[in-house]
Amino acid sequence: MADITICEVLCFIFNKYSVLAKTQLKSVLVGFYQDDELTEAKDLLFTDASKLAVDGMPRNVSQTKRDGRAKATVDELLKLCTFLDEQGCFGLLPKYVAGNLDRIPAVKLEDMELFCVSQKLEALEKRLAAVEVVNCKLDHISDKLADQHATVDRTVDKIDSLVANNVPA
């Protein structure tokens, strides 16, 4: 049986990781938990993940006490979760449970609707970025074609001029 570890932050993250958009998850974590709770959870996850001996694991960067510390800590937590998820290691970690359900943020139905809209918006942003890349490439090709067309026009004009000067009137 897998190890069980009490950590409300990691319990929430692991249960909502695939349900909420990363931006929404980050917002809930930063808004609900204190800096120290987030830091403890991050350190615990890095400690547990290091036991898996997976190559390429992100480093655990200590955050100094400053504005934005919670956001930076959550960014690191989610970066490690994404890495572990991509490596298929979630199931190898301990089972994170809540010792106090009051320390688990509630996600309202409106938030789930917002999540759906957020996911669709995220997909649209990715598609728009791809279209912008293609558009940039097409602009570049169009510029090259315009340059080549101008070169051809100049060459044709020169040939016409040479032909006109060599043809007796």
C-alpha atoms as a PDB file:
ATOM      1  CA  MET A   1       0.000   0.000   0.000  1.00  0.00           C
ATOM      2  CA  ALA A   2       1.226   3.503  -0.812  1.00  0.00           C
ATOM      3  CA  ASP A   3       2.473   5.761   1.941  1.00  0.00           C
ATOM      4  CA  ILE A   4      -0.035   8.268   3.292  1.00  0.00           C
ATOM      5  CA  THR A   5       1.116  11.766   4.096  1.00  0.00           C
ATOM      6  CA  ILE A   6      -0.983  14.522   5.649  1.00  0.00           C
ATOM      7  CA  CYS A   7      -0.651  17.718   3.623  1.00  0.00           C
ATOM      8  CA  GLU A   8      -3.750  19.716   2.765  1.00  0.00           C
ATOM      9  CA  VAL A   9      -2.004  21.755   0.055  1.00  0.00           C
ATOM     10  CA  LEU A  10      -0.777  18.682  -1.821  1.00  0.00           C
ATOM     11  CA  CYS A  11      -4.087  16.897  -1.244  1.00  0.00           C
ATOM     12  CA  PHE A  12      -5.872  19.795  -2.942  1.00  0.00           C
ATOM     13  CA  ILE A  13      -3.333  20.064  -5.775  1.00  0.00           C
ATOM     14  CA  PHE A  14      -3.318  16.353  -6.581  1.00  0.00           C
ATOM     15  CA  ASN A  15      -7.120  16.166  -6.511  1.00  0.00           C
ATOM     16  CA  LYS A  16      -7.673  19.276  -8.623  1.00  0.00           C
ATOM     17  CA  TYR A  17      -4.589  19.147 -10.880  1.00  0.00           C
ATOM     18  CA  SER A  18      -6.402  17.611 -13.835  1.00  0.00           C
ATOM     19  CA  VAL A  19      -9.730  19.307 -13.085  1.00  0.00           C
ATOM     20  CA  LEU A  20      -8.772  22.987 -12.882  1.00  0.00           C
ATOM     21  CA  ALA A  21      -6.806  25.107 -15.324  1.00  0.00           C
ATOM     22  CA  LYS A  22      -3.300  25.854 -14.059  1.00  0.00           C
ATOM     23  CA  THR A  23      -4.094  29.578 -13.786  1.00  0.00           C
ATOM     24  CA  GLN A  24      -7.208  28.851 -11.761  1.00  0.00           C
ATOM     25  CA  LEU A  25      -5.395  26.339  -9.565  1.00  0.00           C
ATOM     26  CA  LYS A  26      -2.635  28.873  -8.964  1.00  0.00           C
ATOM     27  CA  SER A  27      -5.165  31.563  -8.099  1.00  0.00           C
ATOM     28  CA  VAL A  28      -6.961  29.343  -5.569  1.00  0.00           C
ATOM     29  CA  LEU A  29      -3.698  28.219  -3.950  1.00  0.00           C
ATOM     30  CA  VAL A  30      -2.297  31.739  -3.610  1.00  0.00           C
ATOM     31  CA  GLY A  31      -5.618  33.098  -2.367  1.00  0.00           C
ATOM     32  CA  PHE A  32      -6.317  30.379   0.192  1.00  0.00           C
ATOM     33  CA  TYR A  33      -3.020  29.190   1.662  1.00  0.00           C
ATOM     34  CA  GLN A  34      -0.371  31.069   3.644  1.00  0.00           C
ATOM     35  CA  ASP A  35       3.204  31.381   2.328  1.00  0.00           C
ATOM     36  CA  ASP A  36       4.518  28.987   4.983  1.00  0.00           C
ATOM     37  CA  GLU A  37       1.947  26.288   4.104  1.00  0.00           C
ATOM     38  CA  LEU A  38       2.863  26.539   0.429  1.00  0.00           C
ATOM     39  CA  THR A  39       6.586  26.406   1.189  1.00  0.00           C
ATOM     40  CA  GLU A  40       6.170  23.342   3.442  1.00  0.00           C
ATOM     41  CA  ALA A  41       4.128  21.591   0.739  1.00  0.00           C
ATOM     42  CA  LYS A  42       6.697  22.460  -1.927  1.00  0.00           C
ATOM     43  CA  ASP A  43       9.574  21.176   0.203  1.00  0.00           C
ATOM     44  CA  LEU A  44       7.649  17.986   1.024  1.00  0.00           C
ATOM     45  CA  LEU A  45       6.861  17.331  -2.639  1.00  0.00           C
ATOM     46  CA  PHE A  46      10.469  17.939  -3.678  1.00  0.00           C
ATOM     47  CA  THR A  47      11.663  15.584  -0.920  1.00  0.00           C
ATOM     48  CA  ASP A  48       9.212  12.856  -1.947  1.00  0.00           C
ATOM     49  CA  ALA A  49       9.935  13.353  -5.661  1.00  0.00           C
ATOM     50  CA  SER A  50      13.706  13.192  -5.126  1.00  0.00           C
ATOM     51  CA  LYS A  51      13.261   9.655  -3.760  1.00  0.00           C
ATOM     52  CA  LEU A  52      11.986   8.622  -7.200  1.00  0.00           C
ATOM     53  CA  ALA A  53      15.380   9.412  -8.783  1.00  0.00           C
ATOM     54  CA  VAL A  54      13.887  10.738 -12.030  1.00  0.00           C
ATOM     55  CA  ASP A  55      16.323  12.435 -14.403  1.00  0.00           C
ATOM     56  CA  GLY A  56      15.792  16.094 -15.259  1.00  0.00           C
ATOM     57  CA  MET A  57      13.825  16.980 -12.142  1.00  0.00           C
ATOM     58  CA  PRO A  58      13.460  20.741 -11.540  1.00  0.00           C
ATOM     59  CA  ARG A  59      15.505  22.248  -8.716  1.00  0.00           C
ATOM     60  CA  ASN A  60      13.950  23.297  -5.437  1.00  0.00           C
ATOM     61  CA  VAL A  61      14.628  27.024  -5.238  1.00  0.00           C
ATOM     62  CA  SER A  62      14.288  28.621  -1.820  1.00  0.00           C
ATOM     63  CA  GLN A  63      12.133  31.750  -1.893  1.00  0.00           C
ATOM     64  CA  THR A  64      13.104  34.717   0.225  1.00  0.00           C
ATOM     65  CA  LYS A  65      10.458  36.574   2.186  1.00  0.00           C
ATOM     66  CA  ARG A  66       9.223  39.118  -0.332  1.00  0.00           C
ATOM     67  CA  ASP A  67       6.146  40.173  -2.246  1.00  0.00           C
ATOM     68  CA  GLY A  68       5.143  37.539  -4.730  1.00  0.00           C
ATOM     69  CA  ARG A  69       6.716  34.726  -2.716  1.00  0.00           C
ATOM     70  CA  ALA A  70       3.477  32.722  -2.681  1.00  0.00           C
ATOM     71  CA  LYS A  71       3.090  33.000  -6.460  1.00  0.00           C
ATOM     72  CA  ALA A  72       6.695  31.932  -7.039  1.00  0.00           C
ATOM     73  CA  THR A  73       6.279  28.996  -4.651  1.00  0.00           C
ATOM     74  CA  VAL A  74       3.072  27.884  -6.382  1.00  0.00           C
ATOM     75  CA  ASP A  75       4.779  28.230  -9.777  1.00  0.00           C
ATOM     76  CA  GLU A  76       7.518  25.869  -8.583  1.00  0.00           C
ATOM     77  CA  LEU A  77       4.985  23.445  -7.096  1.00  0.00           C
ATOM     78  CA  LEU A  78       2.988  23.309 -10.333  1.00  0.00           C
ATOM     79  CA  LYS A  79       6.154  23.061 -12.439  1.00  0.00           C
ATOM     80  CA  LEU A  80       7.202  20.002 -10.428  1.00  0.00           C
ATOM     81  CA  CYS A  81       3.677  18.539 -10.641  1.00  0.00           C
ATOM     82  CA  THR A  82       3.708  18.995 -14.420  1.00  0.00           C
ATOM     83  CA  PHE A  83       7.123  17.350 -14.648  1.00  0.00           C
ATOM     84  CA  LEU A  84       6.034  14.411 -12.464  1.00  0.00           C
ATOM     85  CA  ASP A  85       2.787  14.047 -14.423  1.00  0.00           C
ATOM     86  CA  GLU A  86       4.678  14.000 -17.734  1.00  0.00           C
ATOM     87  CA  GLN A  87       7.018  11.340 -16.316  1.00  0.00           C
ATOM     88  CA  GLY A  88       4.045   9.250 -15.139  1.00  0.00           C
ATOM     89  CA  CYS A  89       5.196   9.427 -11.518  1.00  0.00           C
ATOM     90  CA  PHE A  90       2.055  10.624  -9.717  1.00  0.00           C
ATOM     91  CA  GLY A  91       1.165   7.081  -8.710  1.00  0.00           C
ATOM     92  CA  LEU A  92       4.619   6.514  -7.214  1.00  0.00           C
ATOM     93  CA  LEU A  93       4.290   9.385  -4.742  1.00  0.00           C
ATOM     94  CA  PRO A  94       2.679   9.058  -1.308  1.00  0.00           C
ATOM     95  CA  LYS A  95      -1.076   9.567  -1.075  1.00  0.00           C
ATOM     96  CA  TYR A  96      -1.546  13.117   0.181  1.00  0.00           C
ATOM     97  CA  VAL A  97      -4.558  13.507   2.465  1.00  0.00           C
ATOM     98  CA  ALA A  98      -6.128  16.291   4.489  1.00  0.00           C
ATOM     99  CA  GLY A  99      -5.901  16.229   8.248  1.00  0.00           C
ATOM    100  CA  ASN A 100      -8.283  19.197   8.440  1.00  0.00           C
ATOM    101  CA  LEU A 101     -10.949  19.604   5.766  1.00  0.00           C
ATOM    102  CA  ASP A 102     -11.283  23.281   6.672  1.00  0.00           C
ATOM    103  CA  ARG A 103      -7.839  23.707   5.084  1.00  0.00           C
ATOM    104  CA  ILE A 104      -9.129  22.506   1.679  1.00  0.00           C
ATOM    105  CA  PRO A 105     -10.547  25.321  -0.470  1.00  0.00           C
ATOM    106  CA  ALA A 106     -14.022  24.790  -1.890  1.00  0.00           C
ATOM    107  CA  VAL A 107     -14.383  25.125  -5.642  1.00  0.00           C
ATOM    108  CA  LYS A 108     -17.832  26.469  -6.516  1.00  0.00           C
ATOM    109  CA  LEU A 109     -19.940  25.508  -9.524  1.00  0.00           C
ATOM    110  CA  GLU A 110     -19.318  28.968 -10.987  1.00  0.00           C
ATOM    111  CA  ASP A 111     -15.607  28.254 -10.765  1.00  0.00           C
ATOM    112  CA  MET A 112     -16.094  25.021 -12.704  1.00  0.00           C
ATOM    113  CA  GLU A 113     -17.977  26.961 -15.406  1.00  0.00           C
ATOM    114  CA  LEU A 114     -15.155  29.478 -15.388  1.00  0.00           C
ATOM    115  CA  PHE A 115     -12.755  26.563 -15.718  1.00  0.00           C
ATOM    116  CA  CYS A 116     -14.547  25.350 -18.848  1.00  0.00           C
ATOM    117  CA  VAL A 117     -14.466  28.827 -20.351  1.00  0.00           C
ATOM    118  CA  SER A 118     -10.841  29.162 -19.287  1.00  0.00           C
ATOM    119  CA  GLN A 119      -9.902  25.903 -21.001  1.00  0.00           C
ATOM    120  CA  LYS A 120     -11.655  26.962 -24.201  1.00  0.00           C
ATOM    121  CA  LEU A 121      -9.924  30.336 -24.057  1.00  0.00           C
ATOM    122  CA  GLU A 122      -6.576  28.610 -23.525  1.00  0.00           C
ATOM    123  CA  ALA A 123      -7.209  26.395 -26.563  1.00  0.00           C
ATOM    124  CA  LEU A 124      -8.186  29.434 -28.632  1.00  0.00           C
ATOM    125  CA  GLU A 125      -5.034  31.250 -27.535  1.00  0.00           C
ATOM    126  CA  LYS A 126      -2.926  28.297 -28.681  1.00  0.00           C
ATOM    127  CA  ARG A 127      -4.710  28.197 -32.029  1.00  0.00           C
ATOM    128  CA  LEU A 128      -4.347  31.963 -32.424  1.00  0.00           C
ATOM    129  CA  ALA A 129      -0.630  31.712 -31.666  1.00  0.00           C
ATOM    130  CA  ALA A 130      -0.286  29.013 -34.338  1.00  0.00           C
ATOM    131  CA  VAL A 131      -2.174  31.183 -36.827  1.00  0.00           C
ATOM    132  CA  GLU A 132       0.079  34.136 -35.982  1.00  0.00           C
ATOM    133  CA  VAL A 133       3.169  32.002 -36.651  1.00  0.00           C
ATOM    134  CA  VAL A 134       1.765  30.908 -40.008  1.00  0.00           C
ATOM    135  CA  ASN A 135       0.755  34.483 -40.817  1.00  0.00           C
ATOM    136  CA  CYS A 136       4.271  35.720 -40.031  1.00  0.00           C
ATOM    137  CA  LYS A 137       5.747  33.054 -42.306  1.00  0.00           C
ATOM    138  CA  LEU A 138       3.294  33.966 -45.071  1.00  0.00           C
ATOM    139  CA  ASP A 139       4.180  37.665 -44.696  1.00  0.00           C
ATOM    140  CA  HIS A 140       7.852  36.758 -45.047  1.00  0.00           C
ATOM    141  CA  ILE A 141       7.149  34.642 -48.147  1.00  0.00           C
ATOM    142  CA  SER A 142       4.974  37.417 -49.585  1.00  0.00           C
ATOM    143  CA  ASP A 143       7.790  39.931 -49.096  1.00  0.00           C
ATOM    144  CA  LYS A 144      10.243  37.603 -50.827  1.00  0.00           C
ATOM    145  CA  LEU A 145       7.806  37.091 -53.713  1.00  0.00           C
ATOM    146  CA  ALA A 146       7.311  40.859 -54.053  1.00  0.00           C
ATOM    147  CA  ASP A 147      11.108  41.322 -54.181  1.00  0.00           C
ATOM    148  CA  GLN A 148      11.401  38.590 -56.815  1.00  0.00           C
ATOM    149  CA  HIS A 149       8.527  40.096 -58.807  1.00  0.00           C
ATOM    150  CA  ALA A 150      10.244  43.491 -58.755  1.00  0.00           C
ATOM    151  CA  THR A 151      13.509  41.860 -59.900  1.00  0.00           C
ATOM    152  CA  VAL A 152      11.685  40.086 -62.745  1.00  0.00           C
ATOM    153  CA  ASP A 153       9.967  43.351 -63.764  1.00  0.00           C
ATOM    154  CA  ARG A 154      13.325  45.196 -63.835  1.00  0.00           C
ATOM    155  CA  THR A 155      14.879  42.375 -65.847  1.00  0.00           C
ATOM    156  CA  VAL A 156      11.980  42.398 -68.334  1.00  0.00           C
ATOM    157  CA  ASP A 157      12.273  46.189 -68.672  1.00  0.00           C
ATOM    158  CA  LYS A 158      16.022  45.865 -69.374  1.00  0.00           C
ATOM    159  CA  ILE A 159      15.401  43.158 -71.968  1.00  0.00           C
ATOM    160  CA  ASP A 160      12.676  45.258 -73.588  1.00  0.00           C
ATOM    161  CA  SER A 161      15.030  48.242 -73.642  1.00  0.00           C
ATOM    162  CA  LEU A 162      17.868  46.203 -75.168  1.00  0.00           C
ATOM    163  CA  VAL A 163      15.555  44.654 -77.735  1.00  0.00           C
ATOM    164  CA  ALA A 164      14.128  48.083 -78.595  1.00  0.00           C
ATOM    165  CA  ASN A 165      17.608  49.591 -79.033  1.00  0.00           C
ATOM    166  CA  ASN A 166      18.860  46.730 -81.238  1.00  0.00           C
ATOM    167  CA  VAL A 167      15.832  46.579 -83.501  1.00  0.00           C
ATOM    168  CA  PRO A 168      16.124  48.908 -86.514  1.00  0.00           C
ATOM    169  CA  ALA A 169      13.297  51.363 -86.959  1.00  0.00           C
END
